[in-house]
Amino acid sequence: MNLYLLRHGIAAEPGVAGFEPDSERPLTAKGKNRLRTTAKAMAELDLSFDLILSSPFLRTKQTA
């Protein structure tokens, strides 16, 4: 079994108006772009996943 851990991408800063509570902070455009790069690298490694787990926070669901 292989276990891969990936932290969520760059998200809006805590306390930014419109993103309360903390669980509603989304990924930034820069965070999304970096994750696309990461996803391409993972595809080049031919990684596959049987299961992806994520917290219910918006930024982690966007990352997954």
PDB file of N, CA and C in Angstrom:
ATOM      1  N   MET A   1       0.846  -1.177   0.000  1.00  0.00           N
ATOM      2  CA  MET A   1       0.000   0.000   0.000  1.00  0.00           C
ATOM      3  C   MET A   1       0.888   1.236   0.000  1.00  0.00           C
ATOM      4  N   ASN A   2       0.521   2.195  -0.816  1.00  0.00           N
ATOM      5  CA  ASN A   2       1.194   3.492  -0.843  1.00  0.00           C
ATOM      6  C   ASN A   2       0.251   4.530  -0.274  1.00  0.00           C
ATOM      7  N   LEU A   3       0.805   5.429   0.510  1.00  0.00           N
ATOM      8  CA  LEU A   3       0.033   6.506   1.102  1.00  0.00           C
ATOM      9  C   LEU A   3       0.662   7.824   0.676  1.00  0.00           C
ATOM     10  N   TYR A   4      -0.131   8.686   0.064  1.00  0.00           N
ATOM     11  CA  TYR A   4       0.338   9.996  -0.370  1.00  0.00           C
ATOM     12  C   TYR A   4      -0.422  11.061   0.409  1.00  0.00           C
ATOM     13  N   LEU A   5       0.307  12.019   0.943  1.00  0.00           N
ATOM     14  CA  LEU A   5      -0.308  13.138   1.651  1.00  0.00           C
ATOM     15  C   LEU A   5      -0.037  14.405   0.861  1.00  0.00           C
ATOM     16  N   LEU A   6      -1.074  15.177   0.652  1.00  0.00           N
ATOM     17  CA  LEU A   6      -0.946  16.429  -0.089  1.00  0.00           C
ATOM     18  C   LEU A   6      -1.665  17.513   0.701  1.00  0.00           C
ATOM     19  N   ARG A   7      -0.948  18.546   1.033  1.00  0.00           N
ATOM     20  CA  ARG A   7      -1.554  19.670   1.745  1.00  0.00           C
ATOM     21  C   ARG A   7      -2.357  20.500   0.749  1.00  0.00           C
ATOM     22  N   HIS A   8      -3.389  21.136   1.235  1.00  0.00           N
ATOM     23  CA  HIS A   8      -4.215  21.963   0.348  1.00  0.00           C
ATOM     24  C   HIS A   8      -3.385  23.068  -0.286  1.00  0.00           C
ATOM     25  N   GLY A   9      -3.868  23.565  -1.414  1.00  0.00           N
ATOM     26  CA  GLY A   9      -3.189  24.648  -2.116  1.00  0.00           C
ATOM     27  C   GLY A   9      -3.311  25.968  -1.369  1.00  0.00           C
ATOM     28  N   ILE A  10      -2.670  26.987  -1.913  1.00  0.00           N
ATOM     29  CA  ILE A  10      -2.692  28.317  -1.310  1.00  0.00           C
ATOM     30  C   ILE A  10      -4.133  28.817  -1.262  1.00  0.00           C
ATOM     31  N   ALA A  11      -4.553  29.216  -0.083  1.00  0.00           N
ATOM     32  CA  ALA A  11      -5.932  29.663   0.122  1.00  0.00           C
ATOM     33  C   ALA A  11      -5.958  31.142   0.506  1.00  0.00           C
ATOM     34  N   ALA A  12      -7.148  31.720   0.444  1.00  0.00           N
ATOM     35  CA  ALA A  12      -7.340  33.107   0.897  1.00  0.00           C
ATOM     36  C   ALA A  12      -6.872  33.220   2.339  1.00  0.00           C
ATOM     37  N   GLU A  13      -6.321  34.343   2.680  1.00  0.00           N
ATOM     38  CA  GLU A  13      -5.811  34.565   4.033  1.00  0.00           C
ATOM     39  C   GLU A  13      -6.931  34.503   5.065  1.00  0.00           C
ATOM     40  N   PRO A  14      -6.618  33.996   6.248  1.00  0.00           N
ATOM     41  CA  PRO A  14      -7.632  33.999   7.311  1.00  0.00           C
ATOM     42  C   PRO A  14      -8.085  35.426   7.618  1.00  0.00           C
ATOM     43  N   GLY A  15      -9.354  35.584   7.887  1.00  0.00           N
ATOM     44  CA  GLY A  15      -9.890  36.886   8.249  1.00  0.00           C
ATOM     45  C   GLY A  15     -10.300  37.755   7.078  1.00  0.00           C
ATOM     46  N   VAL A  16     -10.113  37.286   5.850  1.00  0.00           N
ATOM     47  CA  VAL A  16     -10.520  38.066   4.681  1.00  0.00           C
ATOM     48  C   VAL A  16     -12.044  38.135   4.656  1.00  0.00           C
ATOM     49  N   ALA A  17     -12.556  39.334   4.502  1.00  0.00           N
ATOM     50  CA  ALA A  17     -14.005  39.523   4.489  1.00  0.00           C
ATOM     51  C   ALA A  17     -14.654  38.671   3.412  1.00  0.00           C
ATOM     52  N   GLY A  18     -15.776  38.071   3.759  1.00  0.00           N
ATOM     53  CA  GLY A  18     -16.511  37.250   2.817  1.00  0.00           C
ATOM     54  C   GLY A  18     -16.190  35.776   2.907  1.00  0.00           C
ATOM     55  N   PHE A  19     -15.156  35.436   3.663  1.00  0.00           N
ATOM     56  CA  PHE A  19     -14.769  34.034   3.798  1.00  0.00           C
ATOM     57  C   PHE A  19     -14.785  33.600   5.255  1.00  0.00           C
ATOM     58  N   GLU A  20     -15.842  33.940   5.951  1.00  0.00           N
ATOM     59  CA  GLU A  20     -16.039  33.457   7.297  1.00  0.00           C
ATOM     60  C   GLU A  20     -17.174  32.447   7.234  1.00  0.00           C
ATOM     61  N   PRO A  21     -17.074  31.366   7.896  1.00  0.00           N
ATOM     62  CA  PRO A  21     -16.000  30.929   8.782  1.00  0.00           C
ATOM     63  C   PRO A  21     -14.772  30.443   8.003  1.00  0.00           C
ATOM     64  N   ASP A  22     -13.742  30.069   8.750  1.00  0.00           N
ATOM     65  CA  ASP A  22     -12.489  29.619   8.165  1.00  0.00           C
ATOM     66  C   ASP A  22     -12.695  28.486   7.168  1.00  0.00           C
ATOM     67  N   SER A  23     -13.667  27.645   7.403  1.00  0.00           N
ATOM     68  CA  SER A  23     -13.902  26.493   6.530  1.00  0.00           C
ATOM     69  C   SER A  23     -14.326  26.900   5.119  1.00  0.00           C
ATOM     70  N   GLU A  24     -14.691  28.164   4.935  1.00  0.00           N
ATOM     71  CA  GLU A  24     -15.145  28.645   3.625  1.00  0.00           C
ATOM     72  C   GLU A  24     -14.060  29.338   2.811  1.00  0.00           C
ATOM     73  N   ARG A  25     -12.816  29.371   3.329  1.00  0.00           N
ATOM     74  CA  ARG A  25     -11.738  30.018   2.572  1.00  0.00           C
ATOM     75  C   ARG A  25     -11.404  29.187   1.331  1.00  0.00           C
ATOM     76  N   PRO A  26     -11.511  29.780   0.134  1.00  0.00           N
ATOM     77  CA  PRO A  26     -11.229  29.043  -1.105  1.00  0.00           C
ATOM     78  C   PRO A  26      -9.750  29.124  -1.487  1.00  0.00           C
ATOM     79  N   LEU A  27      -9.385  28.339  -2.478  1.00  0.00           N
ATOM     80  CA  LEU A  27      -8.054  28.457  -3.046  1.00  0.00           C
ATOM     81  C   LEU A  27      -7.957  29.765  -3.824  1.00  0.00           C
ATOM     82  N   THR A  28      -6.774  30.329  -3.842  1.00  0.00           N
ATOM     83  CA  THR A  28      -6.527  31.516  -4.663  1.00  0.00           C
ATOM     84  C   THR A  28      -6.221  31.063  -6.088  1.00  0.00           C
ATOM     85  N   ALA A  29      -6.181  32.006  -7.013  1.00  0.00           N
ATOM     86  CA  ALA A  29      -5.818  31.683  -8.402  1.00  0.00           C
ATOM     87  C   ALA A  29      -4.411  31.078  -8.435  1.00  0.00           C
ATOM     88  N   LYS A  30      -3.500  31.635  -7.641  1.00  0.00           N
ATOM     89  CA  LYS A  30      -2.135  31.105  -7.582  1.00  0.00           C
ATOM     90  C   LYS A  30      -2.149  29.676  -7.024  1.00  0.00           C
ATOM     91  N   GLY A  31      -2.971  29.440  -6.020  1.00  0.00           N
ATOM     92  CA  GLY A  31      -3.082  28.104  -5.444  1.00  0.00           C
ATOM     93  C   GLY A  31      -3.603  27.099  -6.457  1.00  0.00           C
ATOM     94  N   LYS A  32      -4.599  27.493  -7.244  1.00  0.00           N
ATOM     95  CA  LYS A  32      -5.150  26.603  -8.277  1.00  0.00           C
ATOM     96  C   LYS A  32      -4.103  26.310  -9.352  1.00  0.00           C
ATOM     97  N   ASN A  33      -3.362  27.332  -9.759  1.00  0.00           N
ATOM     98  CA  ASN A  33      -2.339  27.137 -10.790  1.00  0.00           C
ATOM     99  C   ASN A  33      -1.241  26.195 -10.312  1.00  0.00           C
ATOM    100  N   ARG A  34      -0.801  26.360  -9.080  1.00  0.00           N
ATOM    101  CA  ARG A  34       0.244  25.476  -8.553  1.00  0.00           C
ATOM    102  C   ARG A  34      -0.260  24.037  -8.442  1.00  0.00           C
ATOM    103  N   LEU A  35      -1.513  23.870  -8.082  1.00  0.00           N
ATOM    104  CA  LEU A  35      -2.068  22.521  -8.000  1.00  0.00           C
ATOM    105  C   LEU A  35      -2.175  21.873  -9.377  1.00  0.00           C
ATOM    106  N   ARG A  36      -2.467  22.662 -10.402  1.00  0.00           N
ATOM    107  CA  ARG A  36      -2.482  22.112 -11.765  1.00  0.00           C
ATOM    108  C   ARG A  36      -1.099  21.577 -12.131  1.00  0.00           C
ATOM    109  N   THR A  37      -0.068  22.317 -11.766  1.00  0.00           N
ATOM    110  CA  THR A  37       1.305  21.879 -12.014  1.00  0.00           C
ATOM    111  C   THR A  37       1.590  20.592 -11.249  1.00  0.00           C
ATOM    112  N   THR A  38       1.155  20.537 -10.005  1.00  0.00           N
ATOM    113  CA  THR A  38       1.344  19.339  -9.185  1.00  0.00           C
ATOM    114  C   THR A  38       0.600  18.151  -9.787  1.00  0.00           C
ATOM    115  N   ALA A  39      -0.624  18.384 -10.230  1.00  0.00           N
ATOM    116  CA  ALA A  39      -1.427  17.310 -10.830  1.00  0.00           C
ATOM    117  C   ALA A  39      -0.759  16.774 -12.094  1.00  0.00           C
ATOM    118  N   LYS A  40      -0.197  17.652 -12.915  1.00  0.00           N
ATOM    119  CA  LYS A  40       0.498  17.215 -14.126  1.00  0.00           C
ATOM    120  C   LYS A  40       1.704  16.351 -13.767  1.00  0.00           C
ATOM    121  N   ALA A  41       2.448  16.767 -12.745  1.00  0.00           N
ATOM    122  CA  ALA A  41       3.609  15.982 -12.307  1.00  0.00           C
ATOM    123  C   ALA A  41       3.174  14.614 -11.783  1.00  0.00           C
ATOM    124  N   MET A  42       2.073  14.569 -11.057  1.00  0.00           N
ATOM    125  CA  MET A  42       1.557  13.298 -10.549  1.00  0.00           C
ATOM    126  C   MET A  42       1.130  12.398 -11.707  1.00  0.00           C
ATOM    127  N   ALA A  43       0.530  12.970 -12.735  1.00  0.00           N
ATOM    128  CA  ALA A  43       0.122  12.199 -13.911  1.00  0.00           C
ATOM    129  C   ALA A  43       1.341  11.637 -14.637  1.00  0.00           C
ATOM    130  N   GLU A  44       2.398  12.436 -14.732  1.00  0.00           N
ATOM    131  CA  GLU A  44       3.627  11.970 -15.376  1.00  0.00           C
ATOM    132  C   GLU A  44       4.257  10.813 -14.615  1.00  0.00           C
ATOM    133  N   LEU A  45       4.040  10.764 -13.305  1.00  0.00           N
ATOM    134  CA  LEU A  45       4.529   9.651 -12.489  1.00  0.00           C
ATOM    135  C   LEU A  45       3.604   8.442 -12.569  1.00  0.00           C
ATOM    136  N   ASP A  46       2.504   8.600 -13.301  1.00  0.00           N
ATOM    137  CA  ASP A  46       1.510   7.540 -13.493  1.00  0.00           C
ATOM    138  C   ASP A  46       0.933   7.061 -12.149  1.00  0.00           C
ATOM    139  N   LEU A  47       0.675   8.009 -11.264  1.00  0.00           N
ATOM    140  CA  LEU A  47       0.081   7.665  -9.975  1.00  0.00           C
ATOM    141  C   LEU A  47      -1.405   7.400 -10.157  1.00  0.00           C
ATOM    142  N   SER A  48      -1.906   6.454  -9.414  1.00  0.00           N
ATOM    143  CA  SER A  48      -3.343   6.204  -9.397  1.00  0.00           C
ATOM    144  C   SER A  48      -3.781   6.069  -7.948  1.00  0.00           C
ATOM    145  N   PHE A  49      -5.057   6.329  -7.707  1.00  0.00           N
ATOM    146  CA  PHE A  49      -5.569   6.339  -6.348  1.00  0.00           C
ATOM    147  C   PHE A  49      -6.848   5.516  -6.257  1.00  0.00           C
ATOM    148  N   ASP A  50      -6.917   4.694  -5.239  1.00  0.00           N
ATOM    149  CA  ASP A  50      -8.132   3.932  -4.974  1.00  0.00           C
ATOM    150  C   ASP A  50      -9.100   4.740  -4.119  1.00  0.00           C
ATOM    151  N   LEU A  51      -8.556   5.672  -3.360  1.00  0.00           N
ATOM    152  CA  LEU A  51      -9.370   6.441  -2.428  1.00  0.00           C
ATOM    153  C   LEU A  51      -8.717   7.795  -2.191  1.00  0.00           C
ATOM    154  N   ILE A  52      -9.517   8.849  -2.185  1.00  0.00           N
ATOM    155  CA  ILE A  52      -9.036  10.188  -1.843  1.00  0.00           C
ATOM    156  C   ILE A  52      -9.891  10.676  -0.696  1.00  0.00           C
ATOM    157  N   LEU A  53      -9.241  11.035   0.395  1.00  0.00           N
ATOM    158  CA  LEU A  53      -9.933  11.557   1.577  1.00  0.00           C
ATOM    159  C   LEU A  53      -9.609  13.031   1.737  1.00  0.00           C
ATOM    160  N   SER A  54     -10.587  13.791   2.190  1.00  0.00           N
ATOM    161  CA  SER A  54     -10.420  15.224   2.370  1.00  0.00           C
ATOM    162  C   SER A  54     -11.274  15.675   3.541  1.00  0.00           C
ATOM    163  N   SER A  55     -10.839  16.744   4.179  1.00  0.00           N
ATOM    164  CA  SER A  55     -11.690  17.357   5.197  1.00  0.00           C
ATOM    165  C   SER A  55     -12.845  18.061   4.476  1.00  0.00           C
ATOM    166  N   PRO A  56     -13.872  18.482   5.187  1.00  0.00           N
ATOM    167  CA  PRO A  56     -14.993  19.171   4.530  1.00  0.00           C
ATOM    168  C   PRO A  56     -14.715  20.634   4.197  1.00  0.00           C
ATOM    169  N   PHE A  57     -13.535  21.149   4.550  1.00  0.00           N
ATOM    170  CA  PHE A  57     -13.234  22.550   4.267  1.00  0.00           C
ATOM    171  C   PHE A  57     -13.164  22.773   2.750  1.00  0.00           C
ATOM    172  N   LEU A  58     -13.642  23.925   2.296  1.00  0.00           N
ATOM    173  CA  LEU A  58     -13.711  24.235   0.872  1.00  0.00           C
ATOM    174  C   LEU A  58     -12.366  24.075   0.194  1.00  0.00           C
ATOM    175  N   ARG A  59     -11.300  24.638   0.764  1.00  0.00           N
ATOM    176  CA  ARG A  59      -9.986  24.598   0.116  1.00  0.00           C
ATOM    177  C   ARG A  59      -9.466  23.177  -0.021  1.00  0.00           C
ATOM    178  N   THR A  60      -9.790  22.296   0.924  1.00  0.00           N
ATOM    179  CA  THR A  60      -9.329  20.917   0.813  1.00  0.00           C
ATOM    180  C   THR A  60     -10.142  20.139  -0.210  1.00  0.00           C
ATOM    181  N   LYS A  61     -11.429  20.437  -0.315  1.00  0.00           N
ATOM    182  CA  LYS A  61     -12.240  19.789  -1.339  1.00  0.00           C
ATOM    183  C   LYS A  61     -11.803  20.247  -2.728  1.00  0.00           C
ATOM    184  N   GLN A  62     -11.462  21.531  -2.873  1.00  0.00           N
ATOM    185  CA  GLN A  62     -10.984  22.030  -4.161  1.00  0.00           C
ATOM    186  C   GLN A  62      -9.653  21.364  -4.530  1.00  0.00           C
ATOM    187  N   THR A  63      -8.807  21.128  -3.549  1.00  0.00           N
ATOM    188  CA  THR A  63      -7.527  20.489  -3.781  1.00  0.00           C
ATOM    189  C   THR A  63      -7.732  19.028  -4.200  1.00  0.00           C
ATOM    190  N   ALA A  64      -8.614  18.335  -3.508  1.00  0.00           N
ATOM    191  CA  ALA A  64      -8.863  16.918  -3.835  1.00  0.00           C
ATOM    192  C   ALA A  64      -9.417  16.806  -5.231  1.00  0.00           C
TER     193      ALA A  64
END
